[in-house]
Structure formats: structure tokens, C-alpha cells
Protein backbone atom coordinates (compact mmCIF):
# COMPACT_ATOMS: atom_id res chain seq x y z
CA MET A 1 0.00 0.00 0.00
CA SER A 2 1.14 3.53 -0.69
CA LEU A 3 -0.25 4.90 2.54
CA SER A 4 1.78 8.10 2.53
CA ALA A 5 0.64 9.12 -0.96
CA ILE A 6 -2.99 8.06 -0.49
CA SER A 7 -3.47 9.62 2.94
CA ALA A 8 -1.73 12.83 1.84
CA ALA A 9 -4.02 13.08 -1.19
CA VAL A 10 -7.18 12.55 0.87
CA GLU A 11 -6.09 15.01 3.58
CA ALA A 12 -5.12 17.63 0.97
CA ARG A 13 -8.50 17.30 -0.75
CA LEU A 14 -10.26 17.77 2.57
CA ALA A 15 -8.05 20.73 3.53
CA ALA A 16 -8.87 22.44 0.25
CA GLN A 17 -12.60 21.68 0.09
CA TRP A 18 -13.97 20.92 3.58
CA ASN A 19 -14.47 23.57 6.26
CA ARG A 20 -17.56 22.37 8.14
CA CYS A 21 -15.61 21.03 11.12
CA PRO A 22 -12.08 20.06 12.20
CA VAL A 23 -10.55 16.96 10.62
CA ARG A 24 -8.60 14.48 12.72
CA GLY A 25 -6.18 12.65 10.43
CA LEU A 26 -4.25 9.44 10.93
CA ASN A 27 -2.64 9.01 14.36
CA GLU A 28 -3.37 12.55 15.42
CA ALA A 29 -3.66 13.11 19.13
CA SER A 30 -7.09 13.10 20.67
CA GLY A 31 -6.34 16.74 21.48
CA ASN A 32 -7.91 17.48 18.10
CA THR A 33 -11.22 16.25 19.49
CA PRO A 34 -13.17 19.40 20.35
CA LEU A 35 -13.68 19.77 24.09
CA ASP A 36 -16.93 21.65 23.60
CA SER A 37 -18.76 18.80 21.82
CA LYS A 38 -18.60 20.50 18.42
CA PRO A 39 -18.61 18.16 15.39
CA TYR A 40 -15.37 16.74 14.04
CA LEU A 41 -14.39 14.35 11.26
CA GLU A 42 -12.04 11.36 11.43
CA ILE A 43 -10.33 9.69 8.47
CA GLN A 44 -9.45 5.99 8.53
CA PHE A 45 -8.17 3.36 6.08
CA PRO A 46 -9.63 0.12 7.50
CA VAL A 47 -8.88 -2.19 4.59
CA SER A 48 -6.64 -2.35 1.54
CA THR A 49 -4.91 -4.84 -0.70
CA SER A 50 -2.05 -4.40 -3.14
CA GLU A 51 -1.06 -6.45 -6.14
CA GLN A 52 1.28 -6.25 -9.08
CA ILE A 53 -0.82 -5.82 -12.22
CA SER A 54 1.95 -5.57 -14.83
CA THR A 55 5.30 -7.28 -15.26
CA GLY A 56 8.31 -7.09 -17.47
CA THR A 57 9.23 -3.44 -17.16
CA PRO A 58 11.69 -3.12 -14.28
CA GLY A 59 11.08 0.09 -12.39
CA ARG A 60 7.83 0.81 -14.30
CA ASN A 61 5.59 -2.05 -13.25
CA VAL A 62 2.17 -1.12 -11.93
CA TRP A 63 1.37 -1.97 -8.31
CA ARG A 64 -2.32 -1.32 -7.59
CA THR A 65 -3.69 -0.65 -4.13
CA GLU A 66 -7.43 -1.04 -3.65
CA GLY A 67 -9.20 -0.26 -0.42
CA ALA A 68 -11.60 2.02 1.36
CA ILE A 69 -11.40 5.41 2.98
CA ARG A 70 -13.64 5.53 6.04
CA PHE A 71 -15.07 8.87 7.10
CA VAL A 72 -16.47 9.15 10.63
CA LEU A 73 -18.45 12.33 11.26
CA ASN A 74 -18.97 12.81 14.99
CA ILE A 75 -21.87 15.05 15.95
CA ARG A 76 -23.44 15.77 19.31
CA THR A 77 -25.82 13.12 20.65
CA GLY A 78 -29.44 14.18 21.02
CA LYS A 79 -29.45 16.85 18.29
CA GLY A 80 -30.97 14.78 15.48
CA VAL A 81 -29.23 13.81 12.26
CA LYS A 82 -30.55 16.41 9.80
CA ASP A 83 -27.39 18.54 9.74
CA GLY A 84 -25.08 15.53 10.05
CA ALA A 85 -26.80 13.76 7.16
CA ALA A 86 -26.42 16.87 4.99
CA TRP A 87 -22.71 17.02 5.85
CA VAL A 88 -22.31 13.33 5.00
CA ASP A 89 -23.92 14.05 1.62
CA GLU A 90 -21.41 16.88 1.04
CA LEU A 91 -18.46 14.69 2.01
CA ALA A 92 -19.69 11.85 -0.19
CA ALA A 93 -19.96 14.27 -3.14
CA LEU A 94 -16.35 15.40 -2.59
CA PHE A 95 -15.14 11.82 -3.05
CA ARG A 96 -17.75 10.17 -5.31
CA GLY A 97 -16.23 9.16 -8.64
CA LYS A 98 -13.24 11.50 -8.41
CA VAL A 99 -9.62 11.35 -9.53
CA PHE A 100 -7.10 13.40 -7.52
CA ASP A 101 -3.36 13.03 -6.98
CA GLY A 102 -3.42 9.55 -8.51
CA VAL A 103 -6.30 8.32 -6.31
CA ARG A 104 -9.47 7.11 -8.06
CA THR A 105 -12.61 6.90 -5.93
CA PHE A 106 -15.93 5.18 -6.51
CA ALA A 107 -19.46 5.09 -5.02
CA PRO A 108 -19.66 5.86 -1.28
CA SER A 109 -21.61 3.59 1.04
CA MET A 110 -24.53 4.89 3.08
CA PRO A 111 -24.00 5.41 6.82
CA THR A 112 -25.47 2.75 9.05
CA LEU A 113 -27.99 4.15 11.51
CA ASP A 114 -28.68 1.97 14.53
CA ASP A 115 -27.99 1.69 18.28
CA ARG A 116 -24.21 1.67 17.70
CA ASN A 117 -24.13 5.29 16.48
CA ALA A 118 -24.45 6.86 19.93
CA ASP A 119 -21.41 6.76 22.22
CA GLY A 120 -21.63 9.14 25.14
CA LYS A 121 -21.78 12.72 23.89
CA TRP A 122 -21.02 11.69 20.27
CA PHE A 123 -23.28 10.31 17.56
CA SER A 124 -21.10 8.93 14.76
CA LEU A 125 -22.11 8.79 11.11
CA SER A 126 -19.61 6.71 9.18
CA PHE A 127 -19.38 5.72 5.55
CA ALA A 128 -16.71 4.30 3.25
CA VAL A 129 -15.48 5.26 -0.19
CA PRO A 130 -13.71 2.56 -2.24
CA PHE A 131 -10.50 3.68 -3.98
CA GLU A 132 -7.68 2.59 -6.29
CA PHE A 133 -4.16 3.93 -6.47
CA ASP A 134 -1.43 2.85 -8.89
CA LEU A 135 2.24 2.97 -7.93
CA PHE A 136 4.82 2.67 -10.69
CA ALA A 137 7.96 0.94 -9.43
């Protein structure tokens, strides 16, 4: 997996096009979690696989990584999901069927809404966006 390139591309896209709430990237301290219960977004990469898809060209073979970017939007418990659902729609549109910095994304999943969403003061809306990334090496 080309984690550094993929995560940098996703974080750059969010930095340029998302200003609804703070974003907590990979392995960032929980200090980025707002103390005042304001919404925040987490980025995760829960699954990926890599394989060589071309051979015979030393140094220029294609190594494809396929996986999912998981977005977890944390909103305050007890405030309904109207605003959170609208934000999820905006996030999904930022990554639906896009190509940026070598990352190709596909159709986002819908967030699951059930008893697992609420955790203390946070209500989490999570969805995943499948992706591909080709590394030439």
C-alpha cells in the first residue's frame, strides 16, 4: 500500500474543500477532538490490498492498491441527524467518482444508523469510499 501518498491526497482534498468542522487525520492526538462537543471528522483506512498488475518493465511495473477510505463524522448526541446527514452528503460528493493526486474513488456507502451510532456525547455517522491507487515501481 502507498499509505503516505494516499493519505496525503485525501487530507489535501479535505483541507482544500472541507471547512464544516475540524478533521482528525491518521494518528493525530485526541487533542484534536473538540472539548466543547462541536462536530469533528475522522479519516481511517480500515482495509486495503495491493497487487502487481503488470510485469516485465523493471522500475515501471504497476502496483495497484485497492481499499476504502472511512469517514467518521462525529456530531453531538441528542441533536438529530438532519445537519449531520447533509454534511455526509457533502463529504460523499467530494469523493464520489473523483480522480485526484493519482487516487481514483468510486461510489460511497450509506452510513449505518442503529444503536451503535451513539457513544456518550457523540453520535457517529460513518461511511466508506472505495478507492484505487497505482504505484509505478
